[in-house]
N, C-alpha and C. Protein backbone atom coordinates (compact mmCIF):
# COMPACT_ATOMS: atom_id res chain seq x y z
N MET A 1 -54.58 47.80 -27.90
CA MET A 1 -53.31 47.68 -27.50
C MET A 1 -53.80 46.84 -25.94
N VAL A 2 -53.04 45.98 -26.42
CA VAL A 2 -53.25 45.21 -24.94
C VAL A 2 -51.65 45.45 -24.04
N TYR A 3 -53.09 45.55 -22.81
CA TYR A 3 -51.78 45.44 -21.86
C TYR A 3 -50.95 44.45 -21.17
N TYR A 4 -50.37 44.01 -20.53
CA TYR A 4 -50.65 42.96 -20.10
C TYR A 4 -49.00 43.21 -18.79
N ASP A 5 -49.10 42.56 -17.40
CA ASP A 5 -48.62 42.72 -16.12
C ASP A 5 -47.06 42.37 -16.63
N ARG A 6 -46.19 43.16 -15.53
CA ARG A 6 -45.44 43.35 -15.46
C ARG A 6 -45.12 41.70 -14.27
N PHE A 7 -43.85 40.70 -14.98
CA PHE A 7 -43.97 39.84 -13.57
C PHE A 7 -42.83 39.81 -12.74
N ARG A 8 -43.96 39.70 -11.60
CA ARG A 8 -43.23 39.63 -10.56
C ARG A 8 -42.59 38.11 -9.46
N SER A 9 -41.81 38.87 -9.61
CA SER A 9 -40.64 37.50 -8.75
C SER A 9 -41.54 37.15 -7.67
N LYS A 10 -41.30 35.72 -6.91
CA LYS A 10 -41.57 35.55 -5.60
C LYS A 10 -40.99 36.55 -4.67
N THR A 11 -39.63 36.64 -5.07
CA THR A 11 -38.69 37.13 -3.80
C THR A 11 -39.48 38.52 -3.88
N GLU A 12 -39.53 39.27 -4.26
CA GLU A 12 -40.07 40.88 -4.65
C GLU A 12 -41.50 40.60 -3.69
N ASP A 13 -42.64 39.97 -3.62
CA ASP A 13 -43.36 40.02 -2.78
C ASP A 13 -42.64 39.62 -1.58
N GLN A 14 -42.07 38.30 -1.80
CA GLN A 14 -41.74 37.98 0.25
C GLN A 14 -41.11 39.54 0.23
N GLN A 15 -40.64 40.25 -0.35
CA GLN A 15 -39.63 41.39 0.53
C GLN A 15 -40.55 42.10 0.94
N ILE A 16 -41.65 42.52 0.20
CA ILE A 16 -43.19 43.40 1.00
C ILE A 16 -43.32 42.66 1.97
N ILE A 17 -43.83 41.37 2.27
CA ILE A 17 -44.48 40.33 3.67
C ILE A 17 -43.49 40.64 4.77
N ASP A 18 -42.61 40.03 4.50
CA ASP A 18 -41.23 40.04 5.42
C ASP A 18 -41.71 42.00 6.04
N GLU A 19 -41.71 42.61 5.08
CA GLU A 19 -41.45 43.79 5.68
C GLU A 19 -43.33 44.34 6.59
N LEU A 20 -43.98 43.72 6.37
CA LEU A 20 -45.08 43.63 6.75
C LEU A 20 -45.31 42.80 8.44
N GLU A 21 -44.57 41.66 8.11
CA GLU A 21 -45.29 40.85 9.40
C GLU A 21 -44.05 41.21 10.51
N LYS A 22 -42.83 42.20 10.18
CA LYS A 22 -42.35 42.42 11.14
C LYS A 22 -42.87 43.97 11.51
N LEU A 23 -43.45 44.75 10.74
CA LEU A 23 -44.52 45.96 11.40
C LEU A 23 -45.43 45.53 12.05
N ALA A 24 -46.50 44.58 11.79
CA ALA A 24 -47.66 44.35 12.25
C ALA A 24 -47.17 43.25 13.58
N GLU A 25 -45.97 43.13 13.96
CA GLU A 25 -45.65 41.96 15.59
C GLU A 25 -44.80 43.61 16.45
N ALA A 26 -44.00 44.67 16.05
CA ALA A 26 -44.02 45.41 16.39
C ALA A 26 -44.79 46.89 16.71
N TYR A 27 -46.22 46.73 16.07
CA TYR A 27 -47.16 47.50 15.89
C TYR A 27 -48.63 46.67 16.34
N PRO A 28 -48.91 45.76 16.61
CA PRO A 28 -50.19 45.11 16.57
C PRO A 28 -51.51 45.79 16.30
N THR A 29 -51.96 47.00 16.80
CA THR A 29 -53.00 47.34 16.61
C THR A 29 -52.93 48.43 15.42
N TYR A 30 -52.12 48.96 14.85
CA TYR A 30 -52.03 49.51 13.80
C TYR A 30 -52.79 48.98 12.08
N GLY A 31 -53.10 49.71 11.48
CA GLY A 31 -53.90 49.25 10.43
C GLY A 31 -52.52 49.66 9.09
N PHE A 32 -53.82 48.77 7.79
CA PHE A 32 -52.78 49.25 6.97
C PHE A 32 -52.51 50.52 6.78
N LYS A 33 -53.13 52.05 6.78
CA LYS A 33 -52.50 52.82 6.32
C LYS A 33 -51.67 53.30 6.89
N LYS A 34 -51.52 52.81 8.16
CA LYS A 34 -50.20 53.45 9.31
C LYS A 34 -48.91 52.57 9.29
N MET A 35 -49.60 51.15 8.75
CA MET A 35 -47.80 50.46 8.65
C MET A 35 -47.89 50.87 6.88
N PHE A 36 -48.52 51.63 6.09
CA PHE A 36 -48.19 51.72 4.29
C PHE A 36 -47.22 52.87 4.80
N TYR A 37 -47.42 54.14 5.48
CA TYR A 37 -47.10 55.33 6.09
C TYR A 37 -45.35 54.59 6.73
N LEU A 38 -45.36 53.90 7.39
CA LEU A 38 -44.36 53.62 8.01
C LEU A 38 -43.43 52.43 7.30
N LEU A 39 -43.93 51.96 6.08
CA LEU A 39 -42.80 51.32 5.16
C LEU A 39 -42.18 52.64 4.11
N ARG A 40 -43.22 53.41 4.37
CA ARG A 40 -42.73 54.76 3.07
C ARG A 40 -41.63 55.81 4.16
N ALA A 41 -41.81 55.76 4.81
CA ALA A 41 -40.53 56.22 6.05
C ALA A 41 -39.35 55.40 5.97
N LYS A 42 -39.45 54.16 6.09
CA LYS A 42 -38.28 53.14 5.78
C LYS A 42 -37.79 53.44 4.55
N GLY A 43 -37.88 53.94 3.68
CA GLY A 43 -37.75 54.38 2.47
C GLY A 43 -38.28 53.57 1.33
N TYR A 44 -39.55 52.70 1.31
CA TYR A 44 -40.11 51.56 0.34
C TYR A 44 -40.89 53.08 -0.43
N LEU A 45 -40.65 52.53 -1.67
CA LEU A 45 -41.57 53.06 -2.70
C LEU A 45 -42.29 52.40 -3.50
N TRP A 46 -43.24 51.45 -2.07
CA TRP A 46 -43.71 50.50 -3.18
C TRP A 46 -45.61 50.92 -2.97
N ASN A 47 -46.08 50.97 -4.27
CA ASN A 47 -47.25 51.58 -4.18
C ASN A 47 -48.31 50.43 -3.35
N HIS A 48 -49.71 51.70 -3.09
CA HIS A 48 -50.02 51.16 -1.82
C HIS A 48 -51.35 49.58 -2.50
N LYS A 49 -51.32 49.90 -4.05
CA LYS A 49 -52.02 48.53 -4.47
C LYS A 49 -51.50 47.49 -3.97
N ARG A 50 -50.16 47.81 -4.46
CA ARG A 50 -48.91 46.43 -4.41
C ARG A 50 -49.16 46.17 -3.00
N VAL A 51 -48.66 46.65 -1.78
CA VAL A 51 -48.96 46.48 -0.43
C VAL A 51 -49.74 45.62 -0.03
N TYR A 52 -51.15 46.38 -0.55
CA TYR A 52 -52.21 45.88 -0.23
C TYR A 52 -52.33 44.32 -0.59
N GLY A 53 -52.55 44.22 -1.86
CA GLY A 53 -52.76 43.30 -2.51
C GLY A 53 -52.03 41.51 -1.95
N GLU A 54 -50.45 41.78 -1.26
CA GLU A 54 -50.19 40.96 -0.43
C GLU A 54 -50.47 40.80 0.69
């Protein structure tokens, strides 16, 4: 059996990038882990591997 990744459009990736940029401006001293938990608190259910990869 062969596994293929689902194609992600640029708009899906851009939403993650935009949210991370907003958080980075608001919290410049926060690292990835704290920003990831802030995204979770806002209701985004993105996987940590997906967020870190952007």
